[in-house]
Amino acid sequence: MPTFPWKTALAAAALLSGSVYVVAAQLAPGNGPNGPNGPMSGDHRAMHQRMMQGQTGAQSGMHAQPSAAALPESSGQDAFGAIQEIVQILEADPATDWSKVNIAALRAHLIDMNEVTLHAKADVRMTDDGIVIAVTGEGRTRDAIKRMVPAHVHELASLGWNANTSELPDGVTLTVTANNAVSLAKLKALGFIGIMVQGGHHQPHHLMMAKGAFVH
């Protein structure tokens, strides 16, 4: 039987599959990418590189270990997260008296905060020495205003602010006058909600509410 040189066999294989040609060419003595019988053409070299990269990727995929999925830190809802934080503090404190704990009261207060922050209407009027804000709402919002705004006046007083409230049928009027520490420009810039966030009493009060030691 006649024998065919390897180049003839290689050419026949190339008709069937370009990839087979590349592999055969690589294996043939002296006929690799840099062999003495001549370099691969640009197309063949590119195909060879893609094949080698695919093999490397497949092999690395077989040995790679799946990384642990990262867990989100946000609870997804502000009030839920605030309550979760308080409960974790209570659980970590061996002195917690669970017979007095009142998480429902904390939840009710957080609802008040949501109503006052997002739904209350605040009509601002500047005076010669301060700011007058009519804070009003309906239903649940009105009730929250009447609970929260007068209570906040005590915190403002402890910070050196001159503030007071008076009743309205659908809310309260909050009056704050300027002094050496609080200028008219600052009062105007802060507005209603900026004045309401003054001080750092909310966080400790929330914990006290949850422990059953404080109610707005």
C-alpha atoms as a PDB file:
ATOM      1  CA  MET A   1       0.000   0.000   0.000  1.00  0.00           C
ATOM      2  CA  PRO A   2       1.412   3.384  -0.924  1.00  0.00           C
ATOM      3  CA  THR A   3       2.259   5.708   1.900  1.00  0.00           C
ATOM      4  CA  PHE A   4       1.445   9.359   1.933  1.00  0.00           C
ATOM      5  CA  PRO A   5       3.676  11.975   3.391  1.00  0.00           C
ATOM      6  CA  TRP A   6       2.357  13.619   6.543  1.00  0.00           C
ATOM      7  CA  LYS A   7       1.773  16.914   4.732  1.00  0.00           C
ATOM      8  CA  THR A   8      -0.697  15.220   2.402  1.00  0.00           C
ATOM      9  CA  ALA A   9      -2.550  13.719   5.345  1.00  0.00           C
ATOM     10  CA  LEU A  10      -2.536  17.065   7.064  1.00  0.00           C
ATOM     11  CA  ALA A  11      -4.079  18.778   4.060  1.00  0.00           C
ATOM     12  CA  ALA A  12      -6.851  16.185   3.930  1.00  0.00           C
ATOM     13  CA  ALA A  13      -7.593  16.676   7.610  1.00  0.00           C
ATOM     14  CA  ALA A  14      -7.798  20.439   7.077  1.00  0.00           C
ATOM     15  CA  LEU A  15     -10.685  19.917   4.656  1.00  0.00           C
ATOM     16  CA  LEU A  16     -12.664  18.230   7.405  1.00  0.00           C
ATOM     17  CA  SER A  17     -11.929  20.586  10.271  1.00  0.00           C
ATOM     18  CA  GLY A  18      -9.872  23.714  10.677  1.00  0.00           C
ATOM     19  CA  SER A  19      -9.379  22.918  14.348  1.00  0.00           C
ATOM     20  CA  VAL A  20      -8.090  19.430  13.528  1.00  0.00           C
ATOM     21  CA  TYR A  21      -5.623  21.019  11.147  1.00  0.00           C
ATOM     22  CA  VAL A  22      -4.331  23.300  13.857  1.00  0.00           C
ATOM     23  CA  VAL A  23      -3.837  20.446  16.305  1.00  0.00           C
ATOM     24  CA  ALA A  24      -2.164  18.244  13.691  1.00  0.00           C
ATOM     25  CA  ALA A  25       0.067  21.063  12.580  1.00  0.00           C
ATOM     26  CA  GLN A  26       1.093  21.688  16.132  1.00  0.00           C
ATOM     27  CA  LEU A  27       1.931  18.030  16.688  1.00  0.00           C
ATOM     28  CA  ALA A  28       3.861  17.595  13.393  1.00  0.00           C
ATOM     29  CA  PRO A  29       7.627  17.769  13.908  1.00  0.00           C
ATOM     30  CA  GLY A  30       9.059  21.104  12.888  1.00  0.00           C
ATOM     31  CA  ASN A  31       5.696  22.477  11.802  1.00  0.00           C
ATOM     32  CA  GLY A  32       4.514  24.334  14.950  1.00  0.00           C
ATOM     33  CA  PRO A  33       3.872  28.081  15.150  1.00  0.00           C
ATOM     34  CA  ASN A  34       7.619  28.724  15.163  1.00  0.00           C
ATOM     35  CA  GLY A  35       8.812  25.531  13.486  1.00  0.00           C
ATOM     36  CA  PRO A  36      11.380  25.328  10.677  1.00  0.00           C
ATOM     37  CA  ASN A  37       8.778  24.244   8.116  1.00  0.00           C
ATOM     38  CA  GLY A  38       7.184  27.662   8.323  1.00  0.00           C
ATOM     39  CA  PRO A  39       4.955  29.570  10.741  1.00  0.00           C
ATOM     40  CA  MET A  40       1.187  29.202  10.902  1.00  0.00           C
ATOM     41  CA  SER A  41      -0.844  31.629   8.886  1.00  0.00           C
ATOM     42  CA  GLY A  42      -2.469  34.503  10.818  1.00  0.00           C
ATOM     43  CA  ASP A  43      -5.901  32.808  10.725  1.00  0.00           C
ATOM     44  CA  HIS A  44      -4.546  29.500  11.956  1.00  0.00           C
ATOM     45  CA  ARG A  45      -2.520  31.147  14.706  1.00  0.00           C
ATOM     46  CA  ALA A  46      -5.586  33.042  15.953  1.00  0.00           C
ATOM     47  CA  MET A  47      -7.654  29.839  15.926  1.00  0.00           C
ATOM     48  CA  HIS A  48      -4.921  28.050  17.837  1.00  0.00           C
ATOM     49  CA  GLN A  49      -4.826  30.775  20.477  1.00  0.00           C
ATOM     50  CA  ARG A  50      -8.593  30.676  20.910  1.00  0.00           C
ATOM     51  CA  MET A  51      -8.504  26.907  21.355  1.00  0.00           C
ATOM     52  CA  MET A  52      -5.760  27.112  23.959  1.00  0.00           C
ATOM     53  CA  GLN A  53      -7.556  29.885  25.834  1.00  0.00           C
ATOM     54  CA  GLY A  54     -10.771  27.863  25.832  1.00  0.00           C
ATOM     55  CA  GLN A  55      -8.985  24.822  27.207  1.00  0.00           C
ATOM     56  CA  THR A  56      -7.308  26.912  29.913  1.00  0.00           C
ATOM     57  CA  GLY A  57     -10.609  28.506  30.894  1.00  0.00           C
ATOM     58  CA  ALA A  58     -12.376  25.150  31.051  1.00  0.00           C
ATOM     59  CA  GLN A  59      -9.632  23.665  33.177  1.00  0.00           C
ATOM     60  CA  SER A  60      -9.590  26.611  35.574  1.00  0.00           C
ATOM     61  CA  GLY A  61     -13.389  26.425  35.809  1.00  0.00           C
ATOM     62  CA  MET A  62     -13.161  22.766  36.809  1.00  0.00           C
ATOM     63  CA  HIS A  63     -10.785  23.577  39.683  1.00  0.00           C
ATOM     64  CA  ALA A  64     -12.243  26.914  40.838  1.00  0.00           C
ATOM     65  CA  GLN A  65     -14.129  26.838  44.111  1.00  0.00           C
ATOM     66  CA  PRO A  66     -17.429  28.764  44.277  1.00  0.00           C
ATOM     67  CA  SER A  67     -17.017  31.908  46.379  1.00  0.00           C
ATOM     68  CA  ALA A  68     -19.323  32.450  49.346  1.00  0.00           C
ATOM     69  CA  ALA A  69     -22.230  34.756  48.483  1.00  0.00           C
ATOM     70  CA  ALA A  70     -22.028  38.163  50.172  1.00  0.00           C
ATOM     71  CA  LEU A  71     -24.933  38.949  52.484  1.00  0.00           C
ATOM     72  CA  PRO A  72     -26.633  42.375  52.338  1.00  0.00           C
ATOM     73  CA  GLU A  73     -26.394  44.581  55.405  1.00  0.00           C
ATOM     74  CA  SER A  74     -29.560  46.620  54.877  1.00  0.00           C
ATOM     75  CA  SER A  75     -32.785  45.218  56.313  1.00  0.00           C
ATOM     76  CA  GLY A  76     -34.662  46.785  53.406  1.00  0.00           C
ATOM     77  CA  GLN A  77     -36.875  49.099  55.478  1.00  0.00           C
ATOM     78  CA  ASP A  78     -35.792  51.836  57.874  1.00  0.00           C
ATOM     79  CA  ALA A  79     -38.244  51.207  60.705  1.00  0.00           C
ATOM     80  CA  PHE A  80     -37.700  47.452  60.462  1.00  0.00           C
ATOM     81  CA  GLY A  81     -33.939  48.000  60.675  1.00  0.00           C
ATOM     82  CA  ALA A  82     -34.280  50.341  63.681  1.00  0.00           C
ATOM     83  CA  ILE A  83     -36.379  47.794  65.565  1.00  0.00           C
ATOM     84  CA  GLN A  84     -34.009  44.984  64.624  1.00  0.00           C
ATOM     85  CA  GLU A  85     -31.069  46.975  66.013  1.00  0.00           C
ATOM     86  CA  ILE A  86     -32.879  47.641  69.296  1.00  0.00           C
ATOM     87  CA  VAL A  87     -33.863  43.987  69.702  1.00  0.00           C
ATOM     88  CA  GLN A  88     -30.254  42.905  69.125  1.00  0.00           C
ATOM     89  CA  ILE A  89     -29.085  45.351  71.826  1.00  0.00           C
ATOM     90  CA  LEU A  90     -31.683  43.996  74.257  1.00  0.00           C
ATOM     91  CA  GLU A  91     -30.742  40.390  73.508  1.00  0.00           C
ATOM     92  CA  ALA A  92     -27.055  41.141  74.056  1.00  0.00           C
ATOM     93  CA  ASP A  93     -27.738  42.736  77.464  1.00  0.00           C
ATOM     94  CA  PRO A  94     -28.080  40.109  80.218  1.00  0.00           C
ATOM     95  CA  ALA A  95     -29.765  42.741  82.415  1.00  0.00           C
ATOM     96  CA  THR A  96     -32.733  43.145  80.028  1.00  0.00           C
ATOM     97  CA  ASP A  97     -36.031  42.702  81.869  1.00  0.00           C
ATOM     98  CA  TRP A  98     -38.182  41.093  79.186  1.00  0.00           C
ATOM     99  CA  SER A  99     -41.298  41.486  81.333  1.00  0.00           C
ATOM    100  CA  LYS A 100     -41.040  45.256  80.749  1.00  0.00           C
ATOM    101  CA  VAL A 101     -39.894  45.293  77.122  1.00  0.00           C
ATOM    102  CA  ASN A 102     -42.408  47.007  74.816  1.00  0.00           C
ATOM    103  CA  ILE A 103     -41.392  46.765  71.172  1.00  0.00           C
ATOM    104  CA  ALA A 104     -44.925  47.677  70.099  1.00  0.00           C
ATOM    105  CA  ALA A 105     -44.507  51.138  71.685  1.00  0.00           C
ATOM    106  CA  LEU A 106     -41.300  51.666  69.726  1.00  0.00           C
ATOM    107  CA  ARG A 107     -43.033  50.641  66.507  1.00  0.00           C
ATOM    108  CA  ALA A 108     -45.861  53.118  67.185  1.00  0.00           C
ATOM    109  CA  HIS A 109     -43.322  55.895  67.723  1.00  0.00           C
ATOM    110  CA  LEU A 110     -41.496  55.061  64.506  1.00  0.00           C
ATOM    111  CA  ILE A 111     -44.821  55.305  62.687  1.00  0.00           C
ATOM    112  CA  ASP A 112     -45.240  58.766  64.248  1.00  0.00           C
ATOM    113  CA  MET A 113     -41.792  59.741  63.005  1.00  0.00           C
ATOM    114  CA  ASN A 114     -42.670  58.570  59.515  1.00  0.00           C
ATOM    115  CA  GLU A 115     -45.923  60.544  59.500  1.00  0.00           C
ATOM    116  CA  VAL A 116     -44.319  63.760  60.761  1.00  0.00           C
ATOM    117  CA  THR A 117     -41.284  63.497  58.477  1.00  0.00           C
ATOM    118  CA  LEU A 118     -43.043  62.571  55.245  1.00  0.00           C
ATOM    119  CA  HIS A 119     -46.691  63.603  55.520  1.00  0.00           C
ATOM    120  CA  ALA A 120     -46.969  66.652  57.782  1.00  0.00           C
ATOM    121  CA  LYS A 121     -47.549  70.005  56.117  1.00  0.00           C
ATOM    122  CA  ALA A 122     -45.264  72.786  57.382  1.00  0.00           C
ATOM    123  CA  ASP A 123     -46.158  76.411  56.606  1.00  0.00           C
ATOM    124  CA  VAL A 124     -43.205  78.618  57.539  1.00  0.00           C
ATOM    125  CA  ARG A 125     -43.354  82.310  58.386  1.00  0.00           C
ATOM    126  CA  MET A 126     -40.261  84.287  59.303  1.00  0.00           C
ATOM    127  CA  THR A 127     -40.507  87.022  61.940  1.00  0.00           C
ATOM    128  CA  ASP A 128     -38.093  89.714  63.063  1.00  0.00           C
ATOM    129  CA  ASP A 129     -36.615  87.442  65.698  1.00  0.00           C
ATOM    130  CA  GLY A 130     -37.404  83.915  64.663  1.00  0.00           C
ATOM    131  CA  ILE A 131     -39.575  81.440  62.775  1.00  0.00           C
ATOM    132  CA  VAL A 132     -43.207  80.371  63.152  1.00  0.00           C
ATOM    133  CA  ILE A 133     -44.253  77.054  61.634  1.00  0.00           C
ATOM    134  CA  ALA A 134     -47.815  75.791  61.375  1.00  0.00           C
ATOM    135  CA  VAL A 135     -47.425  72.001  61.342  1.00  0.00           C
ATOM    136  CA  THR A 136     -50.677  70.352  60.271  1.00  0.00           C
ATOM    137  CA  GLY A 137     -52.088  67.100  58.960  1.00  0.00           C
ATOM    138  CA  GLU A 138     -55.078  64.798  58.993  1.00  0.00           C
ATOM    139  CA  GLY A 139     -55.908  61.636  60.899  1.00  0.00           C
ATOM    140  CA  ARG A 140     -52.841  59.630  61.875  1.00  0.00           C
ATOM    141  CA  THR A 141     -50.516  62.441  60.760  1.00  0.00           C
ATOM    142  CA  ARG A 142     -52.307  65.009  62.954  1.00  0.00           C
ATOM    143  CA  ASP A 143     -52.061  62.740  65.986  1.00  0.00           C
ATOM    144  CA  ALA A 144     -48.367  62.151  65.385  1.00  0.00           C
ATOM    145  CA  ILE A 145     -47.732  65.900  65.124  1.00  0.00           C
ATOM    146  CA  LYS A 146     -49.443  66.546  68.453  1.00  0.00           C
ATOM    147  CA  ARG A 147     -47.345  63.876  70.142  1.00  0.00           C
ATOM    148  CA  MET A 148     -43.953  64.593  68.643  1.00  0.00           C
ATOM    149  CA  VAL A 149     -43.587  68.337  68.108  1.00  0.00           C
ATOM    150  CA  PRO A 150     -44.432  69.525  71.667  1.00  0.00           C
ATOM    151  CA  ALA A 151     -42.179  66.796  73.093  1.00  0.00           C
ATOM    152  CA  HIS A 152     -39.307  68.005  70.920  1.00  0.00           C
ATOM    153  CA  VAL A 153     -39.521  71.496  72.456  1.00  0.00           C
ATOM    154  CA  HIS A 154     -38.029  70.064  75.667  1.00  0.00           C
ATOM    155  CA  GLU A 155     -35.025  68.785  73.712  1.00  0.00           C
ATOM    156  CA  LEU A 156     -34.591  72.177  72.023  1.00  0.00           C
ATOM    157  CA  ALA A 157     -34.665  73.893  75.430  1.00  0.00           C
ATOM    158  CA  SER A 158     -31.915  71.590  76.689  1.00  0.00           C
ATOM    159  CA  LEU A 159     -29.821  72.663  73.697  1.00  0.00           C
ATOM    160  CA  GLY A 160     -30.309  76.353  74.484  1.00  0.00           C
ATOM    161  CA  TRP A 161     -32.981  77.095  71.893  1.00  0.00           C
ATOM    162  CA  ASN A 162     -35.984  79.346  72.584  1.00  0.00           C
ATOM    163  CA  ALA A 163     -38.982  77.316  71.427  1.00  0.00           C
ATOM    164  CA  ASN A 164     -42.635  76.713  72.273  1.00  0.00           C
ATOM    165  CA  THR A 165     -45.763  75.234  70.742  1.00  0.00           C
ATOM    166  CA  SER A 166     -49.441  76.091  70.702  1.00  0.00           C
ATOM    167  CA  GLU A 167     -52.398  73.919  69.719  1.00  0.00           C
ATOM    168  CA  LEU A 168     -54.121  74.018  66.344  1.00  0.00           C
ATOM    169  CA  PRO A 169     -57.250  72.012  65.455  1.00  0.00           C
ATOM    170  CA  ASP A 170     -55.223  69.932  62.977  1.00  0.00           C
ATOM    171  CA  GLY A 171     -51.762  70.160  64.503  1.00  0.00           C
ATOM    172  CA  VAL A 172     -49.541  72.642  66.348  1.00  0.00           C
ATOM    173  CA  THR A 173     -47.739  75.913  65.822  1.00  0.00           C
ATOM    174  CA  LEU A 174     -44.023  75.694  66.521  1.00  0.00           C
ATOM    175  CA  THR A 175     -42.292  78.984  67.310  1.00  0.00           C
ATOM    176  CA  VAL A 176     -38.523  79.272  67.599  1.00  0.00           C
ATOM    177  CA  THR A 177     -36.728  82.555  68.224  1.00  0.00           C
ATOM    178  CA  ALA A 178     -33.121  83.298  67.449  1.00  0.00           C
ATOM    179  CA  ASN A 179     -30.482  83.847  70.088  1.00  0.00           C
ATOM    180  CA  ASN A 180     -26.720  84.044  70.150  1.00  0.00           C
ATOM    181  CA  ALA A 181     -26.378  80.373  69.229  1.00  0.00           C
ATOM    182  CA  VAL A 182     -29.071  80.283  66.550  1.00  0.00           C
ATOM    183  CA  SER A 183     -29.221  82.976  63.882  1.00  0.00           C
ATOM    184  CA  LEU A 184     -32.225  83.876  61.764  1.00  0.00           C
ATOM    185  CA  ALA A 185     -30.378  82.649  58.688  1.00  0.00           C
ATOM    186  CA  LYS A 186     -29.831  79.245  60.296  1.00  0.00           C
ATOM    187  CA  LEU A 187     -33.474  78.975  61.365  1.00  0.00           C
ATOM    188  CA  LYS A 188     -34.617  79.740  57.833  1.00  0.00           C
ATOM    189  CA  ALA A 189     -32.202  77.200  56.379  1.00  0.00           C
ATOM    190  CA  LEU A 190     -33.195  74.446  58.813  1.00  0.00           C
ATOM    191  CA  GLY A 191     -36.927  74.866  58.459  1.00  0.00           C
ATOM    192  CA  PHE A 192     -39.314  72.486  60.205  1.00  0.00           C
ATOM    193  CA  ILE A 193     -37.618  69.133  59.747  1.00  0.00           C
ATOM    194  CA  GLY A 194     -34.134  70.567  60.292  1.00  0.00           C
ATOM    195  CA  ILE A 195     -35.279  71.880  63.675  1.00  0.00           C
ATOM    196  CA  MET A 196     -36.895  68.533  64.510  1.00  0.00           C
ATOM    197  CA  VAL A 197     -33.649  66.607  64.014  1.00  0.00           C
ATOM    198  CA  GLN A 198     -31.639  68.802  66.376  1.00  0.00           C
ATOM    199  CA  GLY A 199     -30.021  66.929  69.248  1.00  0.00           C
ATOM    200  CA  GLY A 200     -29.191  63.251  69.660  1.00  0.00           C
ATOM    201  CA  HIS A 201     -32.050  62.192  71.892  1.00  0.00           C
ATOM    202  CA  HIS A 202     -33.940  59.945  69.480  1.00  0.00           C
ATOM    203  CA  GLN A 203     -31.622  56.930  69.686  1.00  0.00           C
ATOM    204  CA  PRO A 204     -31.477  56.676  73.499  1.00  0.00           C
ATOM    205  CA  HIS A 205     -35.198  57.412  73.706  1.00  0.00           C
ATOM    206  CA  HIS A 206     -35.923  54.539  71.330  1.00  0.00           C
ATOM    207  CA  LEU A 207     -33.992  52.170  73.554  1.00  0.00           C
ATOM    208  CA  MET A 208     -35.800  53.474  76.625  1.00  0.00           C
ATOM    209  CA  MET A 209     -39.161  53.003  74.887  1.00  0.00           C
ATOM    210  CA  ALA A 210     -38.298  49.447  74.011  1.00  0.00           C
ATOM    211  CA  LYS A 211     -37.318  48.791  77.636  1.00  0.00           C
ATOM    212  CA  GLY A 212     -40.664  50.190  78.781  1.00  0.00           C
ATOM    213  CA  ALA A 213     -39.022  53.136  80.586  1.00  0.00           C
ATOM    214  CA  PHE A 214     -40.122  56.019  78.375  1.00  0.00           C
ATOM    215  CA  VAL A 215     -43.218  56.949  76.361  1.00  0.00           C
ATOM    216  CA  HIS A 216     -43.658  60.049  74.213  1.00  0.00           C
END
